[in-house]
Every structure is written in C-alpha cells, then in structure tokens.
Amino acid sequence: MITNFFFPELNNHDVQELWFQQDGATCHTARATIDLLKDTLGDRLFSRYGPVNWPPRSCDLTPLDYFLWGHVKSLVCADKPQTLDHLEDNIRLVTATNVGKSHRKLDVQIGLHPWQSYARNHI
C-alpha cells in the first residue's frame, strides 16, 4: 500500500509542506513501516515510535487539537463569566459567530483543499 499507492500520490504534492499522521495500530508501527516513512518524510511524521511521537490517548490529531479549542476557550472566558448561565451564553455566542470563520481560516492556513476540509480525509 505504501510503496504502490501512497508514495506515488506524494509525487502530486509538495512533500516539504506535508505532515503525515497515523495511529498506533501494530501494522502502522512496524519497524519496516516507520523506516520507510521516515526515509520519505523525515521528521514530518506523527506516529508511535516515529520522530514526532503520537500523543497518548489521542485517537486522531487534527488542527482542532492545536488551535481551535484553545482559541474558543480564550474567547469564551475573555470576560470571566461568573455563572453557568453566563458561561453557556458565551459558548453559544462564540460558537455561533467565530467557530465557522476560524475553521475556514485554519483550513486556508494549512492548505486544505475544500474536499479535504469537508470530508476530513487525510492521506
């Protein structure tokens, strides 16, 4: 799969800008698999036993893990809500006005094509 499909597909993309992620499934973390991916991707590999270790208890890494949730929290807590109702109102307001806008901006910043963003597919 990797040599017959994945690597040929990489030739259609700027590999210098690509980060690859895979979970900790046994077949994904075999020494031969990791070595093959490291030879092609260098340090841009998120994987168990890879150059960038897969975070514990993370089923899948997405831009949401690195940006959106922290951004939403900072907006929701900006006026330091003192009651649960106030907190819930802030959550509704922030998610209704900012999340979609931030998500589209993030997709553009990381260079996702619309079909990748919509389907959440990754290579």
PDB file of N, CA and C in Angstrom:
ATOM      1  N   MET A   1       0.819  -1.189   0.000  1.00  0.00           N
ATOM      2  CA  MET A   1       0.000   0.000   0.000  1.00  0.00           C
ATOM      3  C   MET A   1       0.868   1.260   0.000  1.00  0.00           C
ATOM      4  N   ILE A   2       1.859   1.295   0.865  1.00  0.00           N
ATOM      5  CA  ILE A   2       2.693   2.496   0.965  1.00  0.00           C
ATOM      6  C   ILE A   2       3.496   2.709  -0.312  1.00  0.00           C
ATOM      7  N   THR A   3       4.174   1.672  -0.770  1.00  0.00           N
ATOM      8  CA  THR A   3       5.040   1.847  -1.941  1.00  0.00           C
ATOM      9  C   THR A   3       4.255   1.889  -3.246  1.00  0.00           C
ATOM     10  N   ASN A   4       3.136   1.181  -3.319  1.00  0.00           N
ATOM     11  CA  ASN A   4       2.375   1.132  -4.574  1.00  0.00           C
ATOM     12  C   ASN A   4       1.363   2.261  -4.728  1.00  0.00           C
ATOM     13  N   PHE A   5       0.879   2.820  -3.625  1.00  0.00           N
ATOM     14  CA  PHE A   5      -0.138   3.865  -3.723  1.00  0.00           C
ATOM     15  C   PHE A   5       0.301   5.179  -3.065  1.00  0.00           C
ATOM     16  N   PHE A   6       0.678   5.104  -1.794  1.00  0.00           N
ATOM     17  CA  PHE A   6       0.937   6.327  -1.030  1.00  0.00           C
ATOM     18  C   PHE A   6       2.100   7.144  -1.590  1.00  0.00           C
ATOM     19  N   PHE A   7       3.248   6.517  -1.777  1.00  0.00           N
ATOM     20  CA  PHE A   7       4.400   7.267  -2.281  1.00  0.00           C
ATOM     21  C   PHE A   7       4.158   7.855  -3.669  1.00  0.00           C
ATOM     22  N   PRO A   8       3.547   7.116  -4.618  1.00  0.00           N
ATOM     23  CA  PRO A   8       3.226   7.752  -5.900  1.00  0.00           C
ATOM     24  C   PRO A   8       2.283   8.951  -5.745  1.00  0.00           C
ATOM     25  N   GLU A   9       1.327   8.875  -4.817  1.00  0.00           N
ATOM     26  CA  GLU A   9       0.432  10.009  -4.584  1.00  0.00           C
ATOM     27  C   GLU A   9       1.189  11.217  -4.033  1.00  0.00           C
ATOM     28  N   LEU A  10       2.218  10.976  -3.233  1.00  0.00           N
ATOM     29  CA  LEU A  10       3.010  12.076  -2.684  1.00  0.00           C
ATOM     30  C   LEU A  10       3.667  12.902  -3.784  1.00  0.00           C
ATOM     31  N   ASN A  11       3.964  12.273  -4.898  1.00  0.00           N
ATOM     32  CA  ASN A  11       4.592  12.999  -6.003  1.00  0.00           C
ATOM     33  C   ASN A  11       3.692  14.097  -6.548  1.00  0.00           C
ATOM     34  N   ASN A  12       2.400  14.038  -6.257  1.00  0.00           N
ATOM     35  CA  ASN A  12       1.453  15.061  -6.704  1.00  0.00           C
ATOM     36  C   ASN A  12       1.356  16.228  -5.723  1.00  0.00           C
ATOM     37  N   HIS A  13       2.113  16.182  -4.633  1.00  0.00           N
ATOM     38  CA  HIS A  13       2.029  17.203  -3.589  1.00  0.00           C
ATOM     39  C   HIS A  13       3.420  17.714  -3.246  1.00  0.00           C
ATOM     40  N   ASP A  14       3.469  18.875  -2.622  1.00  0.00           N
ATOM     41  CA  ASP A  14       4.728  19.421  -2.142  1.00  0.00           C
ATOM     42  C   ASP A  14       5.063  18.734  -0.821  1.00  0.00           C
ATOM     43  N   VAL A  15       5.900  17.725  -0.893  1.00  0.00           N
ATOM     44  CA  VAL A  15       6.201  16.895   0.275  1.00  0.00           C
ATOM     45  C   VAL A  15       6.894  17.703   1.371  1.00  0.00           C
ATOM     46  N   GLN A  16       7.578  18.779   1.024  1.00  0.00           N
ATOM     47  CA  GLN A  16       8.253  19.590   2.034  1.00  0.00           C
ATOM     48  C   GLN A  16       7.260  20.263   2.971  1.00  0.00           C
ATOM     49  N   GLU A  17       6.014  20.418   2.541  1.00  0.00           N
ATOM     50  CA  GLU A  17       4.984  21.071   3.350  1.00  0.00           C
ATOM     51  C   GLU A  17       4.015  20.069   3.974  1.00  0.00           C
ATOM     52  N   LEU A  18       4.230  18.796   3.781  1.00  0.00           N
ATOM     53  CA  LEU A  18       3.290  17.767   4.209  1.00  0.00           C
ATOM     54  C   LEU A  18       3.722  17.141   5.528  1.00  0.00           C
ATOM     55  N   TRP A  19       2.780  17.037   6.450  1.00  0.00           N
ATOM     56  CA  TRP A  19       2.977  16.274   7.678  1.00  0.00           C
ATOM     57  C   TRP A  19       2.089  15.050   7.583  1.00  0.00           C
ATOM     58  N   PHE A  20       2.599  13.906   8.002  1.00  0.00           N
ATOM     59  CA  PHE A  20       1.849  12.662   7.913  1.00  0.00           C
ATOM     60  C   PHE A  20       1.552  12.175   9.321  1.00  0.00           C
ATOM     61  N   GLN A  21       0.320  11.716   9.533  1.00  0.00           N
ATOM     62  CA  GLN A  21      -0.050  11.191  10.846  1.00  0.00           C
ATOM     63  C   GLN A  21      -0.665   9.813  10.686  1.00  0.00           C
ATOM     64  N   GLN A  22      -0.373   8.965  11.637  1.00  0.00           N
ATOM     65  CA  GLN A  22      -1.018   7.659  11.689  1.00  0.00           C
ATOM     66  C   GLN A  22      -1.109   7.228  13.142  1.00  0.00           C
ATOM     67  N   ASP A  23      -2.086   6.376  13.398  1.00  0.00           N
ATOM     68  CA  ASP A  23      -2.307   5.953  14.779  1.00  0.00           C
ATOM     69  C   ASP A  23      -1.312   4.865  15.174  1.00  0.00           C
ATOM     70  N   GLY A  24      -1.531   4.293  16.337  1.00  0.00           N
ATOM     71  CA  GLY A  24      -0.593   3.326  16.874  1.00  0.00           C
ATOM     72  C   GLY A  24      -0.910   1.885  16.554  1.00  0.00           C
ATOM     73  N   ALA A  25      -1.722   1.630  15.530  1.00  0.00           N
ATOM     74  CA  ALA A  25      -2.030   0.249  15.148  1.00  0.00           C
ATOM     75  C   ALA A  25      -0.729  -0.497  14.858  1.00  0.00           C
ATOM     76  N   THR A  26      -0.693  -1.760  15.205  1.00  0.00           N
ATOM     77  CA  THR A  26       0.533  -2.543  15.089  1.00  0.00           C
ATOM     78  C   THR A  26       1.138  -2.489  13.694  1.00  0.00           C
ATOM     79  N   CYS A  27       0.315  -2.635  12.660  1.00  0.00           N
ATOM     80  CA  CYS A  27       0.857  -2.618  11.297  1.00  0.00           C
ATOM     81  C   CYS A  27       1.427  -1.248  10.938  1.00  0.00           C
ATOM     82  N   HIS A  28       0.941  -0.197  11.583  1.00  0.00           N
ATOM     83  CA  HIS A  28       1.441   1.152  11.306  1.00  0.00           C
ATOM     84  C   HIS A  28       2.764   1.426  12.002  1.00  0.00           C
ATOM     85  N   THR A  29       3.060   0.680  13.038  1.00  0.00           N
ATOM     86  CA  THR A  29       4.255   0.969  13.829  1.00  0.00           C
ATOM     87  C   THR A  29       5.344  -0.081  13.664  1.00  0.00           C
ATOM     88  N   ALA A  30       5.182  -0.967  12.714  1.00  0.00           N
ATOM     89  CA  ALA A  30       6.231  -1.948  12.443  1.00  0.00           C
ATOM     90  C   ALA A  30       7.501  -1.210  12.034  1.00  0.00           C
ATOM     91  N   ARG A  31       8.639  -1.715  12.428  1.00  0.00           N
ATOM     92  CA  ARG A  31       9.923  -1.062  12.142  1.00  0.00           C
ATOM     93  C   ARG A  31      10.073  -0.771  10.649  1.00  0.00           C
ATOM     94  N   ALA A  32       9.716  -1.724   9.788  1.00  0.00           N
ATOM     95  CA  ALA A  32       9.857  -1.521   8.336  1.00  0.00           C
ATOM     96  C   ALA A  32       8.980  -0.365   7.858  1.00  0.00           C
ATOM     97  N   THR A  33       7.766  -0.267   8.399  1.00  0.00           N
ATOM     98  CA  THR A  33       6.850   0.812   8.007  1.00  0.00           C
ATOM     99  C   THR A  33       7.392   2.166   8.446  1.00  0.00           C
ATOM    100  N   ILE A  34       7.797   2.267   9.697  1.00  0.00           N
ATOM    101  CA  ILE A  34       8.321   3.531  10.226  1.00  0.00           C
ATOM    102  C   ILE A  34       9.576   3.950   9.464  1.00  0.00           C
ATOM    103  N   ASP A  35      10.483   3.013   9.215  1.00  0.00           N
ATOM    104  CA  ASP A  35      11.712   3.349   8.488  1.00  0.00           C
ATOM    105  C   ASP A  35      11.409   3.843   7.082  1.00  0.00           C
ATOM    106  N   LEU A  36      10.470   3.201   6.417  1.00  0.00           N
ATOM    107  CA  LEU A  36      10.074   3.604   5.066  1.00  0.00           C
ATOM    108  C   LEU A  36       9.500   5.019   5.063  1.00  0.00           C
ATOM    109  N   LEU A  37       8.622   5.305   6.025  1.00  0.00           N
ATOM    110  CA  LEU A  37       8.021   6.639   6.111  1.00  0.00           C
ATOM    111  C   LEU A  37       9.055   7.700   6.496  1.00  0.00           C
ATOM    112  N   LYS A  38       9.957   7.371   7.425  1.00  0.00           N
ATOM    113  CA  LYS A  38      10.986   8.335   7.830  1.00  0.00           C
ATOM    114  C   LYS A  38      11.922   8.665   6.671  1.00  0.00           C
ATOM    115  N   ASP A  39      12.233   7.668   5.843  1.00  0.00           N
ATOM    116  CA  ASP A  39      13.098   7.917   4.686  1.00  0.00           C
ATOM    117  C   ASP A  39      12.477   8.928   3.737  1.00  0.00           C
ATOM    118  N   THR A  40      11.167   8.896   3.603  1.00  0.00           N
ATOM    119  CA  THR A  40      10.480   9.799   2.682  1.00  0.00           C
ATOM    120  C   THR A  40      10.102  11.115   3.335  1.00  0.00           C
ATOM    121  N   LEU A  41       9.606  11.063   4.572  1.00  0.00           N
ATOM    122  CA  LEU A  41       9.046  12.249   5.220  1.00  0.00           C
ATOM    123  C   LEU A  41       9.986  12.919   6.213  1.00  0.00           C
ATOM    124  N   GLY A  42      11.060  12.281   6.555  1.00  0.00           N
ATOM    125  CA  GLY A  42      11.983  12.861   7.536  1.00  0.00           C
ATOM    126  C   GLY A  42      11.310  13.017   8.885  1.00  0.00           C
ATOM    127  N   ASP A  43      11.403  14.215   9.447  1.00  0.00           N
ATOM    128  CA  ASP A  43      10.847  14.483  10.777  1.00  0.00           C
ATOM    129  C   ASP A  43       9.379  14.862  10.750  1.00  0.00           C
ATOM    130  N   ARG A  44       8.746  14.840   9.595  1.00  0.00           N
ATOM    131  CA  ARG A  44       7.345  15.273   9.483  1.00  0.00           C
ATOM    132  C   ARG A  44       6.388  14.079   9.582  1.00  0.00           C
ATOM    133  N   LEU A  45       6.613  13.237  10.569  1.00  0.00           N
ATOM    134  CA  LEU A  45       5.810  12.030  10.758  1.00  0.00           C
ATOM    135  C   LEU A  45       5.339  11.956  12.203  1.00  0.00           C
ATOM    136  N   PHE A  46       4.014  11.996  12.402  1.00  0.00           N
ATOM    137  CA  PHE A  46       3.413  11.755  13.712  1.00  0.00           C
ATOM    138  C   PHE A  46       3.064  10.280  13.769  1.00  0.00           C
ATOM    139  N   SER A  47       3.691   9.535  14.649  1.00  0.00           N
ATOM    140  CA  SER A  47       3.388   8.114  14.759  1.00  0.00           C
ATOM    141  C   SER A  47       3.992   7.576  16.047  1.00  0.00           C
ATOM    142  N   ARG A  48       3.408   6.536  16.541  1.00  0.00           N
ATOM    143  CA  ARG A  48       4.017   5.858  17.676  1.00  0.00           C
ATOM    144  C   ARG A  48       5.367   5.337  17.201  1.00  0.00           C
ATOM    145  N   TYR A  49       6.413   5.648  17.901  1.00  0.00           N
ATOM    146  CA  TYR A  49       7.799   5.311  17.562  1.00  0.00           C
ATOM    147  C   TYR A  49       8.335   6.122  16.383  1.00  0.00           C
ATOM    148  N   GLY A  50       7.614   7.143  15.948  1.00  0.00           N
ATOM    149  CA  GLY A  50       8.098   7.996  14.864  1.00  0.00           C
ATOM    150  C   GLY A  50       8.867   9.176  15.430  1.00  0.00           C
ATOM    151  N   PRO A  51       9.380  10.055  14.563  1.00  0.00           N
ATOM    152  CA  PRO A  51      10.138  11.224  15.018  1.00  0.00           C
ATOM    153  C   PRO A  51       9.316  12.147  15.929  1.00  0.00           C
ATOM    154  N   VAL A  52       8.024  12.317  15.626  1.00  0.00           N
ATOM    155  CA  VAL A  52       7.124  13.080  16.491  1.00  0.00           C
ATOM    156  C   VAL A  52       6.160  12.061  17.081  1.00  0.00           C
ATOM    157  N   ASN A  53       6.297  11.807  18.374  1.00  0.00           N
ATOM    158  CA  ASN A  53       5.520  10.735  18.994  1.00  0.00           C
ATOM    159  C   ASN A  53       4.033  11.061  19.030  1.00  0.00           C
ATOM    160  N   TRP A  54       3.219  10.060  18.787  1.00  0.00           N
ATOM    161  CA  TRP A  54       1.767  10.185  18.832  1.00  0.00           C
ATOM    162  C   TRP A  54       1.352  10.486  20.263  1.00  0.00           C
ATOM    163  N   PRO A  55       0.612  11.574  20.498  1.00  0.00           N
ATOM    164  CA  PRO A  55       0.217  11.901  21.872  1.00  0.00           C
ATOM    165  C   PRO A  55      -0.650  10.803  22.497  1.00  0.00           C
ATOM    166  N   PRO A  56      -0.425  10.514  23.764  1.00  0.00           N
ATOM    167  CA  PRO A  56      -1.228   9.484  24.419  1.00  0.00           C
ATOM    168  C   PRO A  56      -2.709   9.848  24.428  1.00  0.00           C
ATOM    169  N   ARG A  57      -3.536   8.846  24.323  1.00  0.00           N
ATOM    170  CA  ARG A  57      -4.999   8.975  24.364  1.00  0.00           C
ATOM    171  C   ARG A  57      -5.557   9.852  23.250  1.00  0.00           C
ATOM    172  N   SER A  58      -4.812  10.047  22.178  1.00  0.00           N
ATOM    173  CA  SER A  58      -5.315  10.836  21.054  1.00  0.00           C
ATOM    174  C   SER A  58      -5.653   9.888  19.915  1.00  0.00           C
ATOM    175  N   CYS A  59      -6.933   9.793  19.599  1.00  0.00           N
ATOM    176  CA  CYS A  59      -7.340   8.874  18.539  1.00  0.00           C
ATOM    177  C   CYS A  59      -7.004   9.427  17.162  1.00  0.00           C
ATOM    178  N   ASP A  60      -6.974  10.727  17.008  1.00  0.00           N
ATOM    179  CA  ASP A  60      -6.648  11.337  15.725  1.00  0.00           C
ATOM    180  C   ASP A  60      -6.274  12.789  15.969  1.00  0.00           C
ATOM    181  N   LEU A  61      -5.189  13.218  15.398  1.00  0.00           N
ATOM    182  CA  LEU A  61      -4.771  14.613  15.541  1.00  0.00           C
ATOM    183  C   LEU A  61      -5.393  15.434  14.427  1.00  0.00           C
ATOM    184  N   THR A  62      -5.907  16.582  14.788  1.00  0.00           N
ATOM    185  CA  THR A  62      -6.484  17.478  13.798  1.00  0.00           C
ATOM    186  C   THR A  62      -6.061  18.894  14.150  1.00  0.00           C
ATOM    187  N   PRO A  63      -6.245  19.835  13.240  1.00  0.00           N
ATOM    188  CA  PRO A  63      -5.951  21.226  13.587  1.00  0.00           C
ATOM    189  C   PRO A  63      -6.740  21.703  14.806  1.00  0.00           C
ATOM    190  N   LEU A  64      -7.876  21.056  15.076  1.00  0.00           N
ATOM    191  CA  LEU A  64      -8.657  21.438  16.249  1.00  0.00           C
ATOM    192  C   LEU A  64      -7.863  21.219  17.527  1.00  0.00           C
ATOM    193  N   ASP A  65      -7.040  20.159  17.550  1.00  0.00           N
ATOM    194  CA  ASP A  65      -6.240  19.872  18.738  1.00  0.00           C
ATOM    195  C   ASP A  65      -5.219  20.967  19.025  1.00  0.00           C
ATOM    196  N   TYR A  66      -4.749  21.615  17.981  1.00  0.00           N
ATOM    197  CA  TYR A  66      -3.668  22.582  18.136  1.00  0.00           C
ATOM    198  C   TYR A  66      -4.111  24.029  18.149  1.00  0.00           C
ATOM    199  N   PHE A  67      -5.299  24.313  17.659  1.00  0.00           N
ATOM    200  CA  PHE A  67      -5.680  25.714  17.532  1.00  0.00           C
ATOM    201  C   PHE A  67      -7.081  26.005  18.031  1.00  0.00           C
ATOM    202  N   LEU A  68      -8.073  25.372  17.447  1.00  0.00           N
ATOM    203  CA  LEU A  68      -9.442  25.836  17.606  1.00  0.00           C
ATOM    204  C   LEU A  68      -9.942  25.775  19.041  1.00  0.00           C
ATOM    205  N   TRP A  69      -9.712  24.675  19.754  1.00  0.00           N
ATOM    206  CA  TRP A  69     -10.274  24.568  21.103  1.00  0.00           C
ATOM    207  C   TRP A  69      -9.666  25.613  22.033  1.00  0.00           C
ATOM    208  N   GLY A  70      -8.381  25.853  21.942  1.00  0.00           N
ATOM    209  CA  GLY A  70      -7.754  26.895  22.761  1.00  0.00           C
ATOM    210  C   GLY A  70      -8.251  28.283  22.404  1.00  0.00           C
ATOM    211  N   HIS A  71      -8.452  28.507  21.109  1.00  0.00           N
ATOM    212  CA  HIS A  71      -8.965  29.797  20.638  1.00  0.00           C
ATOM    213  C   HIS A  71     -10.386  30.031  21.157  1.00  0.00           C
ATOM    214  N   VAL A  72     -11.242  29.013  21.048  1.00  0.00           N
ATOM    215  CA  VAL A  72     -12.622  29.134  21.534  1.00  0.00           C
ATOM    216  C   VAL A  72     -12.627  29.389  23.038  1.00  0.00           C
ATOM    217  N   LYS A  73     -11.801  28.661  23.780  1.00  0.00           N
ATOM    218  CA  LYS A  73     -11.752  28.850  25.233  1.00  0.00           C
ATOM    219  C   LYS A  73     -11.340  30.280  25.583  1.00  0.00           C
ATOM    220  N   SER A  74     -10.350  30.819  24.866  1.00  0.00           N
ATOM    221  CA  SER A  74      -9.915  32.190  25.175  1.00  0.00           C
ATOM    222  C   SER A  74     -11.027  33.201  24.902  1.00  0.00           C
ATOM    223  N   LEU A  75     -11.823  32.978  23.861  1.00  0.00           N
ATOM    224  CA  LEU A  75     -12.939  33.884  23.565  1.00  0.00           C
ATOM    225  C   LEU A  75     -14.068  33.731  24.580  1.00  0.00           C
ATOM    226  N   VAL A  76     -14.390  32.484  24.927  1.00  0.00           N
ATOM    227  CA  VAL A  76     -15.480  32.219  25.871  1.00  0.00           C
ATOM    228  C   VAL A  76     -15.152  32.793  27.246  1.00  0.00           C
ATOM    229  N   CYS A  77     -13.913  32.714  27.658  1.00  0.00           N
ATOM    230  CA  CYS A  77     -13.527  33.145  29.006  1.00  0.00           C
ATOM    231  C   CYS A  77     -12.995  34.571  29.063  1.00  0.00           C
ATOM    232  N   ALA A  78     -13.032  35.296  27.950  1.00  0.00           N
ATOM    233  CA  ALA A  78     -12.451  36.647  27.894  1.00  0.00           C
ATOM    234  C   ALA A  78     -13.047  37.586  28.938  1.00  0.00           C
ATOM    235  N   ASP A  79     -14.359  37.505  29.169  1.00  0.00           N
ATOM    236  CA  ASP A  79     -14.984  38.408  30.152  1.00  0.00           C
ATOM    237  C   ASP A  79     -15.183  37.737  31.511  1.00  0.00           C
ATOM    238  N   LYS A  80     -14.494  36.624  31.734  1.00  0.00           N
ATOM    239  CA  LYS A  80     -14.505  35.899  33.013  1.00  0.00           C
ATOM    240  C   LYS A  80     -15.922  35.651  33.537  1.00  0.00           C
ATOM    241  N   PRO A  81     -16.691  34.803  32.851  1.00  0.00           N
ATOM    242  CA  PRO A  81     -18.065  34.541  33.292  1.00  0.00           C
ATOM    243  C   PRO A  81     -18.089  33.972  34.716  1.00  0.00           C
ATOM    244  N   GLN A  82     -19.033  34.483  35.519  1.00  0.00           N
ATOM    245  CA  GLN A  82     -19.117  34.099  36.930  1.00  0.00           C
ATOM    246  C   GLN A  82     -20.223  33.091  37.214  1.00  0.00           C
ATOM    247  N   THR A  83     -21.120  32.889  36.244  1.00  0.00           N
ATOM    248  CA  THR A  83     -22.212  31.931  36.453  1.00  0.00           C
ATOM    249  C   THR A  83     -22.239  30.948  35.288  1.00  0.00           C
ATOM    250  N   LEU A  84     -22.884  29.820  35.533  1.00  0.00           N
ATOM    251  CA  LEU A  84     -23.025  28.813  34.488  1.00  0.00           C
ATOM    252  C   LEU A  84     -23.827  29.365  33.310  1.00  0.00           C
ATOM    253  N   ASP A  85     -24.884  30.126  33.607  1.00  0.00           N
ATOM    254  CA  ASP A  85     -25.687  30.717  32.526  1.00  0.00           C
ATOM    255  C   ASP A  85     -24.850  31.657  31.661  1.00  0.00           C
ATOM    256  N   HIS A  86     -24.033  32.468  32.298  1.00  0.00           N
ATOM    257  CA  HIS A  86     -23.166  33.398  31.568  1.00  0.00           C
ATOM    258  C   HIS A  86     -22.169  32.618  30.697  1.00  0.00           C
ATOM    259  N   LEU A  87     -21.584  31.569  31.263  1.00  0.00           N
ATOM    260  CA  LEU A  87     -20.650  30.725  30.517  1.00  0.00           C
ATOM    261  C   LEU A  87     -21.337  30.096  29.306  1.00  0.00           C
ATOM    262  N   GLU A  88     -22.531  29.536  29.521  1.00  0.00           N
ATOM    263  CA  GLU A  88     -23.276  28.914  28.420  1.00  0.00           C
ATOM    264  C   GLU A  88     -23.631  29.937  27.340  1.00  0.00           C
ATOM    265  N   ASP A  89     -24.018  31.146  27.752  1.00  0.00           N
ATOM    266  CA  ASP A  89     -24.313  32.204  26.775  1.00  0.00           C
ATOM    267  C   ASP A  89     -23.073  32.543  25.952  1.00  0.00           C
ATOM    268  N   ASN A  90     -21.932  32.649  26.620  1.00  0.00           N
ATOM    269  CA  ASN A  90     -20.687  32.935  25.899  1.00  0.00           C
ATOM    270  C   ASN A  90     -20.351  31.825  24.904  1.00  0.00           C
ATOM    271  N   ILE A  91     -20.534  30.583  25.325  1.00  0.00           N
ATOM    272  CA  ILE A  91     -20.255  29.455  24.429  1.00  0.00           C
ATOM    273  C   ILE A  91     -21.139  29.539  23.196  1.00  0.00           C
ATOM    274  N   ARG A  92     -22.428  29.781  23.400  1.00  0.00           N
ATOM    275  CA  ARG A  92     -23.347  29.892  22.255  1.00  0.00           C
ATOM    276  C   ARG A  92     -22.939  31.036  21.331  1.00  0.00           C
ATOM    277  N   LEU A  93     -22.629  32.178  21.913  1.00  0.00           N
ATOM    278  CA  LEU A  93     -22.267  33.355  21.124  1.00  0.00           C
ATOM    279  C   LEU A  93     -20.976  33.120  20.337  1.00  0.00           C
ATOM    280  N   VAL A  94     -19.964  32.603  21.002  1.00  0.00           N
ATOM    281  CA  VAL A  94     -18.670  32.386  20.349  1.00  0.00           C
ATOM    282  C   VAL A  94     -18.777  31.331  19.259  1.00  0.00           C
ATOM    283  N   THR A  95     -19.435  30.226  19.553  1.00  0.00           N
ATOM    284  CA  THR A  95     -19.517  29.173  18.539  1.00  0.00           C
ATOM    285  C   THR A  95     -20.366  29.602  17.360  1.00  0.00           C
ATOM    286  N   ALA A  96     -21.406  30.377  17.607  1.00  0.00           N
ATOM    287  CA  ALA A  96     -22.272  30.815  16.509  1.00  0.00           C
ATOM    288  C   ALA A  96     -21.565  31.814  15.598  1.00  0.00           C
ATOM    289  N   THR A  97     -20.703  32.646  16.165  1.00  0.00           N
ATOM    290  CA  THR A  97     -20.106  33.717  15.359  1.00  0.00           C
ATOM    291  C   THR A  97     -18.679  33.440  14.908  1.00  0.00           C
ATOM    292  N   ASN A  98     -17.919  32.672  15.660  1.00  0.00           N
ATOM    293  CA  ASN A  98     -16.488  32.565  15.373  1.00  0.00           C
ATOM    294  C   ASN A  98     -15.984  31.210  14.902  1.00  0.00           C
ATOM    295  N   VAL A  99     -16.606  30.127  15.307  1.00  0.00           N
ATOM    296  CA  VAL A  99     -16.030  28.819  15.021  1.00  0.00           C
ATOM    297  C   VAL A  99     -15.964  28.538  13.527  1.00  0.00           C
ATOM    298  N   GLY A 100     -17.051  28.753  12.812  1.00  0.00           N
ATOM    299  CA  GLY A 100     -17.031  28.505  11.370  1.00  0.00           C
ATOM    300  C   GLY A 100     -16.019  29.369  10.663  1.00  0.00           C
ATOM    301  N   LYS A 101     -15.952  30.638  11.056  1.00  0.00           N
ATOM    302  CA  LYS A 101     -14.998  31.574  10.458  1.00  0.00           C
ATOM    303  C   LYS A 101     -13.559  31.125  10.758  1.00  0.00           C
ATOM    304  N   SER A 102     -13.293  30.745  12.002  1.00  0.00           N
ATOM    305  CA  SER A 102     -11.952  30.296  12.384  1.00  0.00           C
ATOM    306  C   SER A 102     -11.589  29.010  11.674  1.00  0.00           C
ATOM    307  N   HIS A 103     -12.547  28.113  11.544  1.00  0.00           N
ATOM    308  CA  HIS A 103     -12.296  26.836  10.892  1.00  0.00           C
ATOM    309  C   HIS A 103     -11.922  27.047   9.435  1.00  0.00           C
ATOM    310  N   ARG A 104     -12.658  27.916   8.726  1.00  0.00           N
ATOM    311  CA  ARG A 104     -12.334  28.195   7.323  1.00  0.00           C
ATOM    312  C   ARG A 104     -10.958  28.840   7.204  1.00  0.00           C
ATOM    313  N   LYS A 105     -10.643  29.765   8.113  1.00  0.00           N
ATOM    314  CA  LYS A 105      -9.340  30.425   8.091  1.00  0.00           C
ATOM    315  C   LYS A 105      -8.231  29.412   8.336  1.00  0.00           C
ATOM    316  N   LEU A 106      -8.434  28.508   9.277  1.00  0.00           N
ATOM    317  CA  LEU A 106      -7.440  27.493   9.583  1.00  0.00           C
ATOM    318  C   LEU A 106      -7.225  26.577   8.393  1.00  0.00           C
ATOM    319  N   ASP A 107      -8.301  26.168   7.713  1.00  0.00           N
ATOM    320  CA  ASP A 107      -8.163  25.320   6.532  1.00  0.00           C
ATOM    321  C   ASP A 107      -7.309  25.997   5.477  1.00  0.00           C
ATOM    322  N   VAL A 108      -7.500  27.287   5.297  1.00  0.00           N
ATOM    323  CA  VAL A 108      -6.709  28.027   4.313  1.00  0.00           C
ATOM    324  C   VAL A 108      -5.250  28.080   4.755  1.00  0.00           C
ATOM    325  N   GLN A 109      -5.017  28.326   6.048  1.00  0.00           N
ATOM    326  CA  GLN A 109      -3.645  28.439   6.543  1.00  0.00           C
ATOM    327  C   GLN A 109      -2.880  27.131   6.403  1.00  0.00           C
ATOM    328  N   ILE A 110      -3.554  25.998   6.595  1.00  0.00           N
ATOM    329  CA  ILE A 110      -2.839  24.732   6.476  1.00  0.00           C
ATOM    330  C   ILE A 110      -2.957  24.151   5.083  1.00  0.00           C
ATOM    331  N   GLY A 111      -3.632  24.861   4.191  1.00  0.00           N
ATOM    332  CA  GLY A 111      -3.654  24.476   2.791  1.00  0.00           C
ATOM    333  C   GLY A 111      -4.550  23.307   2.446  1.00  0.00           C
ATOM    334  N   LEU A 112      -5.628  23.123   3.183  1.00  0.00           N
ATOM    335  CA  LEU A 112      -6.543  22.040   2.848  1.00  0.00           C
ATOM    336  C   LEU A 112      -7.374  22.408   1.633  1.00  0.00           C
ATOM    337  N   HIS A 113      -7.565  21.447   0.767  1.00  0.00           N
ATOM    338  CA  HIS A 113      -8.489  21.632  -0.342  1.00  0.00           C
ATOM    339  C   HIS A 113      -9.899  21.517   0.221  1.00  0.00           C
ATOM    340  N   PRO A 114     -10.902  22.145  -0.408  1.00  0.00           N
ATOM    341  CA  PRO A 114     -12.271  22.080   0.122  1.00  0.00           C
ATOM    342  C   PRO A 114     -12.759  20.655   0.365  1.00  0.00           C
ATOM    343  N   TRP A 115     -12.413  19.714  -0.506  1.00  0.00           N
ATOM    344  CA  TRP A 115     -12.890  18.338  -0.294  1.00  0.00           C
ATOM    345  C   TRP A 115     -12.236  17.714   0.922  1.00  0.00           C
ATOM    346  N   GLN A 116     -10.993  18.082   1.227  1.00  0.00           N
ATOM    347  CA  GLN A 116     -10.343  17.544   2.412  1.00  0.00           C
ATOM    348  C   GLN A 116     -10.977  18.121   3.666  1.00  0.00           C
ATOM    349  N   SER A 117     -11.262  19.405   3.627  1.00  0.00           N
ATOM    350  CA  SER A 117     -11.864  20.062   4.773  1.00  0.00           C
ATOM    351  C   SER A 117     -13.248  19.495   5.049  1.00  0.00           C
ATOM    352  N   TYR A 118     -14.021  19.318   3.988  1.00  0.00           N
ATOM    353  CA  TYR A 118     -15.387  18.841   4.148  1.00  0.00           C
ATOM    354  C   TYR A 118     -15.414  17.404   4.641  1.00  0.00           C
ATOM    355  N   ALA A 119     -14.652  16.555   4.010  1.00  0.00           N
ATOM    356  CA  ALA A 119     -14.716  15.127   4.328  1.00  0.00           C
ATOM    357  C   ALA A 119     -13.787  14.742   5.467  1.00  0.00           C
ATOM    358  N   ARG A 120     -12.880  15.648   5.829  1.00  0.00           N
ATOM    359  CA  ARG A 120     -11.868  15.373   6.844  1.00  0.00           C
ATOM    360  C   ARG A 120     -11.029  14.159   6.449  1.00  0.00           C
ATOM    361  N   ASN A 121     -10.792  14.035   5.158  1.00  0.00           N
ATOM    362  CA  ASN A 121      -9.907  12.978   4.668  1.00  0.00           C
ATOM    363  C   ASN A 121      -8.472  13.416   4.880  1.00  0.00           C
ATOM    364  N   HIS A 122      -7.608  12.471   5.038  1.00  0.00           N
ATOM    365  CA  HIS A 122      -6.191  12.773   5.031  1.00  0.00           C
ATOM    366  C   HIS A 122      -5.472  11.627   4.358  1.00  0.00           C
ATOM    367  N   ILE A 123      -4.324  11.925   3.810  1.00  0.00           N
ATOM    368  CA  ILE A 123      -3.572  10.914   3.069  1.00  0.00           C
ATOM    369  C   ILE A 123      -3.059   9.878   4.034  1.00  0.00           C
TER     370      ILE A 123
END
